[in-house]
Amino acid sequence: QVQLVESGGGLVQAGGSLRLSCAASGRTFSIYDVGWFRQAPGKEREIVTDYTWSGGRTNYADSVKGRFTISRDYAKNTVYLQMNSLKPEDTAVYYCAARMRAVGMYDYWGQGTQVTVSS
């Protein structure tokens, strides 16, 4: 089992920044990939970025490229999502998730953290 706990959400003005954290515990050695997802009201959940746990590969959605950066603190087993130049359309509940393989469904999910960007 892997447990994921997000933190760092909040209210920010457009153009501002936030850093989300996803602390992983449990069988973290079995994690292959960590992803950040978001879901806005009335919309489907979408992937924002995914990151190979070993650090070998990172992908970003086109909507956040150049603004969001994912990173990992190996000692703390924590993945961060640095979000800069935030836009009102970034408003959503953000979730981190982990999977034990390179493709397919994510096995473990955090509880989510709300990000609200005001115009």
N, C-alpha and C. Protein backbone atom coordinates (compact mmCIF):
# COMPACT_ATOMS: atom_id res chain seq x y z
N GLN A 1 0.83 -1.19 0.00
CA GLN A 1 0.00 0.00 0.00
C GLN A 1 0.87 1.25 0.00
N VAL A 2 0.37 2.26 -0.66
CA VAL A 2 1.02 3.56 -0.69
C VAL A 2 0.00 4.61 -0.25
N GLN A 3 0.42 5.49 0.61
CA GLN A 3 -0.43 6.60 1.04
C GLN A 3 0.11 7.90 0.47
N LEU A 4 -0.80 8.73 -0.01
CA LEU A 4 -0.43 10.02 -0.60
C LEU A 4 -1.22 11.13 0.09
N VAL A 5 -0.52 12.17 0.51
CA VAL A 5 -1.18 13.29 1.17
C VAL A 5 -0.74 14.58 0.49
N GLU A 6 -1.72 15.29 -0.08
CA GLU A 6 -1.43 16.57 -0.74
C GLU A 6 -1.59 17.72 0.25
N SER A 7 -0.88 18.78 -0.04
CA SER A 7 -1.04 20.03 0.72
C SER A 7 -0.58 21.19 -0.15
N GLY A 8 -0.89 22.40 0.29
CA GLY A 8 -0.37 23.56 -0.39
C GLY A 8 -1.36 24.33 -1.24
N GLY A 9 -2.58 23.84 -1.34
CA GLY A 9 -3.57 24.57 -2.13
C GLY A 9 -3.99 25.85 -1.44
N GLY A 10 -4.77 26.66 -2.14
CA GLY A 10 -5.25 27.90 -1.55
C GLY A 10 -5.81 28.83 -2.60
N LEU A 11 -5.99 30.07 -2.18
CA LEU A 11 -6.52 31.12 -3.05
C LEU A 11 -5.38 32.04 -3.45
N VAL A 12 -5.28 32.32 -4.74
CA VAL A 12 -4.22 33.18 -5.23
C VAL A 12 -4.76 34.02 -6.38
N GLN A 13 -4.20 35.19 -6.57
CA GLN A 13 -4.61 36.03 -7.69
C GLN A 13 -3.96 35.56 -8.98
N ALA A 14 -4.59 35.87 -10.08
CA ALA A 14 -4.02 35.53 -11.38
C ALA A 14 -2.62 36.11 -11.49
N GLY A 15 -1.72 35.30 -12.04
CA GLY A 15 -0.33 35.71 -12.15
C GLY A 15 0.52 35.26 -10.98
N GLY A 16 -0.12 34.80 -9.93
CA GLY A 16 0.59 34.37 -8.74
C GLY A 16 1.10 32.94 -8.83
N SER A 17 1.65 32.47 -7.71
CA SER A 17 2.26 31.15 -7.67
C SER A 17 1.78 30.38 -6.44
N LEU A 18 1.80 29.08 -6.58
CA LEU A 18 1.56 28.17 -5.46
C LEU A 18 2.45 26.95 -5.65
N ARG A 19 2.79 26.32 -4.54
CA ARG A 19 3.51 25.06 -4.62
C ARG A 19 2.72 24.00 -3.88
N LEU A 20 2.35 22.97 -4.61
CA LEU A 20 1.65 21.83 -4.01
C LEU A 20 2.67 20.76 -3.63
N SER A 21 2.35 20.06 -2.55
CA SER A 21 3.20 18.96 -2.10
C SER A 21 2.40 17.67 -2.08
N CYS A 22 3.07 16.58 -2.36
CA CYS A 22 2.45 15.25 -2.29
C CYS A 22 3.43 14.35 -1.55
N ALA A 23 3.11 14.07 -0.29
CA ALA A 23 3.97 13.24 0.53
C ALA A 23 3.56 11.78 0.41
N ALA A 24 4.49 10.94 0.03
CA ALA A 24 4.21 9.52 -0.15
C ALA A 24 4.78 8.72 1.02
N SER A 25 4.04 7.71 1.44
CA SER A 25 4.51 6.82 2.51
C SER A 25 4.05 5.41 2.20
N GLY A 26 4.57 4.46 2.95
CA GLY A 26 4.25 3.07 2.71
C GLY A 26 5.27 2.44 1.77
N ARG A 27 4.79 1.65 0.83
CA ARG A 27 5.66 0.91 -0.08
C ARG A 27 6.11 1.80 -1.25
N THR A 28 6.78 2.86 -0.92
CA THR A 28 7.18 3.83 -1.96
C THR A 28 8.20 3.24 -2.93
N PHE A 29 8.90 2.23 -2.50
CA PHE A 29 9.90 1.62 -3.39
C PHE A 29 9.25 0.96 -4.60
N SER A 30 7.94 0.68 -4.50
CA SER A 30 7.24 0.03 -5.60
C SER A 30 6.62 1.02 -6.58
N ILE A 31 6.74 2.31 -6.30
CA ILE A 31 6.17 3.32 -7.20
C ILE A 31 6.99 3.43 -8.47
N TYR A 32 6.30 3.44 -9.61
CA TYR A 32 6.99 3.69 -10.87
C TYR A 32 6.79 5.13 -11.33
N ASP A 33 5.61 5.65 -11.13
CA ASP A 33 5.25 6.93 -11.72
C ASP A 33 4.31 7.69 -10.78
N VAL A 34 4.48 8.98 -10.69
CA VAL A 34 3.58 9.84 -9.93
C VAL A 34 2.99 10.88 -10.87
N GLY A 35 1.71 11.10 -10.75
CA GLY A 35 1.06 12.09 -11.60
C GLY A 35 0.30 13.10 -10.77
N TRP A 36 0.18 14.31 -11.31
CA TRP A 36 -0.72 15.33 -10.77
C TRP A 36 -1.89 15.47 -11.73
N PHE A 37 -3.08 15.42 -11.17
CA PHE A 37 -4.31 15.57 -11.94
C PHE A 37 -5.08 16.75 -11.37
N ARG A 38 -6.03 17.24 -12.14
CA ARG A 38 -6.92 18.27 -11.62
C ARG A 38 -8.32 18.07 -12.18
N GLN A 39 -9.28 18.52 -11.40
CA GLN A 39 -10.67 18.45 -11.83
C GLN A 39 -11.38 19.73 -11.45
N ALA A 40 -11.84 20.43 -12.45
CA ALA A 40 -12.60 21.66 -12.24
C ALA A 40 -14.08 21.33 -12.18
N PRO A 41 -14.89 22.17 -11.55
CA PRO A 41 -16.33 21.91 -11.47
C PRO A 41 -16.96 21.72 -12.84
N GLY A 42 -17.70 20.64 -13.00
CA GLY A 42 -18.39 20.38 -14.25
C GLY A 42 -17.50 19.85 -15.36
N LYS A 43 -16.24 19.59 -15.05
CA LYS A 43 -15.32 19.09 -16.08
C LYS A 43 -14.74 17.75 -15.67
N GLU A 44 -14.23 17.04 -16.65
CA GLU A 44 -13.60 15.76 -16.38
C GLU A 44 -12.21 15.98 -15.78
N ARG A 45 -11.78 15.00 -15.04
CA ARG A 45 -10.43 15.06 -14.49
C ARG A 45 -9.41 14.98 -15.62
N GLU A 46 -8.37 15.78 -15.52
CA GLU A 46 -7.33 15.77 -16.55
C GLU A 46 -5.96 15.65 -15.89
N ILE A 47 -5.05 15.05 -16.62
CA ILE A 47 -3.69 14.94 -16.11
C ILE A 47 -2.95 16.24 -16.38
N VAL A 48 -2.20 16.68 -15.41
CA VAL A 48 -1.41 17.90 -15.52
C VAL A 48 0.04 17.56 -15.85
N THR A 49 0.57 16.60 -15.11
CA THR A 49 1.95 16.19 -15.34
C THR A 49 2.15 14.82 -14.74
N ASP A 50 3.09 14.09 -15.29
CA ASP A 50 3.49 12.84 -14.65
C ASP A 50 5.00 12.74 -14.64
N TYR A 51 5.50 11.98 -13.69
CA TYR A 51 6.92 12.02 -13.34
C TYR A 51 7.36 10.61 -12.95
N THR A 52 8.37 10.11 -13.63
CA THR A 52 8.90 8.81 -13.27
C THR A 52 9.58 8.91 -11.90
N TRP A 53 9.21 8.04 -11.00
CA TRP A 53 9.68 8.12 -9.61
C TRP A 53 11.20 8.16 -9.53
N SER A 54 11.86 7.48 -10.46
CA SER A 54 13.32 7.49 -10.48
C SER A 54 13.88 8.79 -11.05
N GLY A 55 13.02 9.62 -11.61
CA GLY A 55 13.45 10.90 -12.13
C GLY A 55 13.83 10.90 -13.59
N GLY A 56 13.55 9.82 -14.30
CA GLY A 56 14.01 9.73 -15.67
C GLY A 56 13.15 10.41 -16.72
N ARG A 57 11.89 10.70 -16.41
CA ARG A 57 11.00 11.23 -17.45
C ARG A 57 9.92 12.11 -16.82
N THR A 58 9.62 13.21 -17.49
CA THR A 58 8.56 14.10 -17.04
C THR A 58 7.74 14.54 -18.25
N ASN A 59 6.44 14.55 -18.10
CA ASN A 59 5.54 15.03 -19.16
C ASN A 59 4.61 16.09 -18.58
N TYR A 60 4.25 17.04 -19.41
CA TYR A 60 3.34 18.11 -19.00
C TYR A 60 2.23 18.27 -20.01
N ALA A 61 1.03 18.58 -19.52
CA ALA A 61 -0.05 18.95 -20.42
C ALA A 61 0.31 20.26 -21.11
N ASP A 62 -0.15 20.43 -22.33
CA ASP A 62 0.16 21.65 -23.09
C ASP A 62 -0.30 22.91 -22.34
N SER A 63 -1.39 22.78 -21.61
CA SER A 63 -1.96 23.94 -20.94
C SER A 63 -1.10 24.47 -19.80
N VAL A 64 -0.14 23.68 -19.33
CA VAL A 64 0.68 24.11 -18.20
C VAL A 64 2.17 24.18 -18.52
N LYS A 65 2.54 23.78 -19.72
CA LYS A 65 3.95 23.80 -20.09
C LYS A 65 4.54 25.20 -19.96
N GLY A 66 5.69 25.25 -19.35
CA GLY A 66 6.36 26.53 -19.15
C GLY A 66 5.91 27.26 -17.90
N ARG A 67 4.83 26.80 -17.27
CA ARG A 67 4.33 27.45 -16.06
C ARG A 67 4.44 26.55 -14.83
N PHE A 68 4.25 25.26 -15.02
CA PHE A 68 4.27 24.31 -13.91
C PHE A 68 5.54 23.46 -13.99
N THR A 69 6.07 23.12 -12.82
CA THR A 69 7.26 22.28 -12.75
C THR A 69 7.07 21.25 -11.64
N ILE A 70 7.34 20.01 -11.97
CA ILE A 70 7.26 18.94 -10.98
C ILE A 70 8.67 18.59 -10.54
N SER A 71 8.83 18.28 -9.26
CA SER A 71 10.13 17.89 -8.74
C SER A 71 9.94 16.94 -7.56
N ARG A 72 11.02 16.36 -7.13
CA ARG A 72 10.93 15.39 -6.04
C ARG A 72 12.04 15.63 -5.04
N ASP A 73 11.70 15.52 -3.77
CA ASP A 73 12.67 15.49 -2.68
C ASP A 73 12.83 14.02 -2.30
N TYR A 74 13.97 13.43 -2.67
CA TYR A 74 14.16 12.01 -2.46
C TYR A 74 14.17 11.66 -0.98
N ALA A 75 14.75 12.50 -0.19
CA ALA A 75 14.86 12.21 1.24
C ALA A 75 13.51 12.22 1.93
N LYS A 76 12.61 13.06 1.45
CA LYS A 76 11.30 13.20 2.08
C LYS A 76 10.22 12.40 1.37
N ASN A 77 10.57 11.73 0.28
CA ASN A 77 9.55 11.01 -0.53
C ASN A 77 8.38 11.93 -0.85
N THR A 78 8.70 13.11 -1.22
CA THR A 78 7.68 14.12 -1.51
C THR A 78 7.87 14.65 -2.92
N VAL A 79 6.77 14.77 -3.63
CA VAL A 79 6.77 15.35 -4.97
C VAL A 79 6.10 16.71 -4.90
N TYR A 80 6.68 17.67 -5.56
CA TYR A 80 6.16 19.04 -5.54
C TYR A 80 5.66 19.43 -6.92
N LEU A 81 4.65 20.26 -6.94
CA LEU A 81 4.19 20.87 -8.18
C LEU A 81 4.26 22.38 -8.00
N GLN A 82 5.26 22.99 -8.60
CA GLN A 82 5.40 24.43 -8.56
C GLN A 82 4.57 25.03 -9.68
N MET A 83 3.64 25.88 -9.33
CA MET A 83 2.73 26.46 -10.30
C MET A 83 2.93 27.97 -10.34
N ASN A 84 3.40 28.46 -11.47
CA ASN A 84 3.65 29.89 -11.65
C ASN A 84 2.70 30.45 -12.70
N SER A 85 2.60 31.75 -12.73
CA SER A 85 1.76 32.45 -13.72
C SER A 85 0.36 31.83 -13.76
N LEU A 86 -0.21 31.66 -12.62
CA LEU A 86 -1.51 30.99 -12.54
C LEU A 86 -2.61 31.79 -13.21
N LYS A 87 -3.54 31.06 -13.80
CA LYS A 87 -4.67 31.65 -14.51
C LYS A 87 -5.97 31.19 -13.85
N PRO A 88 -7.04 31.95 -14.01
CA PRO A 88 -8.32 31.50 -13.45
C PRO A 88 -8.72 30.10 -13.92
N GLU A 89 -8.35 29.75 -15.13
CA GLU A 89 -8.70 28.41 -15.64
C GLU A 89 -7.89 27.29 -14.99
N ASP A 90 -6.93 27.64 -14.16
CA ASP A 90 -6.22 26.62 -13.39
C ASP A 90 -6.98 26.23 -12.12
N THR A 91 -8.06 26.94 -11.84
CA THR A 91 -8.86 26.63 -10.65
C THR A 91 -9.41 25.22 -10.74
N ALA A 92 -9.15 24.42 -9.72
CA ALA A 92 -9.57 23.02 -9.71
C ALA A 92 -9.15 22.39 -8.39
N VAL A 93 -9.63 21.19 -8.17
CA VAL A 93 -9.07 20.34 -7.11
C VAL A 93 -7.92 19.55 -7.73
N TYR A 94 -6.78 19.63 -7.10
CA TYR A 94 -5.59 18.96 -7.61
C TYR A 94 -5.33 17.69 -6.79
N TYR A 95 -5.05 16.62 -7.50
CA TYR A 95 -4.79 15.32 -6.88
C TYR A 95 -3.43 14.79 -7.32
N CYS A 96 -2.74 14.16 -6.44
CA CYS A 96 -1.58 13.38 -6.86
C CYS A 96 -1.96 11.91 -6.82
N ALA A 97 -1.31 11.14 -7.66
CA ALA A 97 -1.60 9.72 -7.79
C ALA A 97 -0.33 8.97 -8.12
N ALA A 98 -0.31 7.71 -7.78
CA ALA A 98 0.87 6.88 -8.03
C ALA A 98 0.45 5.57 -8.68
N ARG A 99 1.31 5.07 -9.53
CA ARG A 99 1.07 3.76 -10.12
C ARG A 99 2.37 2.95 -10.10
N MET A 100 2.19 1.66 -10.21
CA MET A 100 3.30 0.75 -10.04
C MET A 100 3.90 0.30 -11.39
N ARG A 101 3.42 0.91 -12.47
CA ARG A 101 3.88 0.53 -13.80
C ARG A 101 3.92 1.77 -14.68
N ALA A 102 4.47 1.62 -15.86
CA ALA A 102 4.68 2.77 -16.73
C ALA A 102 3.40 3.25 -17.40
N VAL A 103 2.44 2.36 -17.60
CA VAL A 103 1.20 2.72 -18.29
C VAL A 103 0.01 2.16 -17.51
N GLY A 104 -1.15 2.60 -17.88
CA GLY A 104 -2.34 2.08 -17.24
C GLY A 104 -2.85 2.97 -16.13
N MET A 105 -3.80 2.44 -15.39
CA MET A 105 -4.46 3.21 -14.36
C MET A 105 -3.54 3.49 -13.18
N TYR A 106 -3.84 4.60 -12.49
CA TYR A 106 -3.12 4.91 -11.26
C TYR A 106 -3.77 4.14 -10.11
N ASP A 107 -2.91 3.62 -9.25
CA ASP A 107 -3.37 2.71 -8.21
C ASP A 107 -3.75 3.43 -6.92
N TYR A 108 -3.07 4.52 -6.61
CA TYR A 108 -3.26 5.20 -5.34
C TYR A 108 -3.48 6.69 -5.58
N TRP A 109 -4.37 7.26 -4.80
CA TRP A 109 -4.74 8.66 -4.95
C TRP A 109 -4.72 9.37 -3.60
N GLY A 110 -4.35 10.65 -3.65
CA GLY A 110 -4.48 11.48 -2.47
C GLY A 110 -5.89 12.03 -2.35
N GLN A 111 -6.11 12.80 -1.31
CA GLN A 111 -7.46 13.31 -1.03
C GLN A 111 -7.79 14.58 -1.82
N GLY A 112 -6.80 15.19 -2.42
CA GLY A 112 -7.03 16.40 -3.21
C GLY A 112 -6.83 17.67 -2.41
N THR A 113 -6.44 18.72 -3.11
CA THR A 113 -6.29 20.04 -2.50
C THR A 113 -6.83 21.09 -3.47
N GLN A 114 -7.60 22.02 -2.93
CA GLN A 114 -8.27 23.01 -3.76
C GLN A 114 -7.32 24.14 -4.12
N VAL A 115 -7.29 24.47 -5.40
CA VAL A 115 -6.57 25.65 -5.89
C VAL A 115 -7.58 26.57 -6.55
N THR A 116 -7.64 27.80 -6.08
CA THR A 116 -8.55 28.79 -6.64
C THR A 116 -7.75 30.00 -7.09
N VAL A 117 -7.90 30.37 -8.36
CA VAL A 117 -7.20 31.51 -8.91
C VAL A 117 -8.23 32.57 -9.26
N SER A 118 -8.12 33.71 -8.63
CA SER A 118 -9.07 34.79 -8.87
C SER A 118 -8.54 35.73 -9.96
N SER A 119 -9.46 36.30 -10.70
CA SER A 119 -9.06 37.20 -11.79
C SER A 119 -8.93 38.63 -11.32
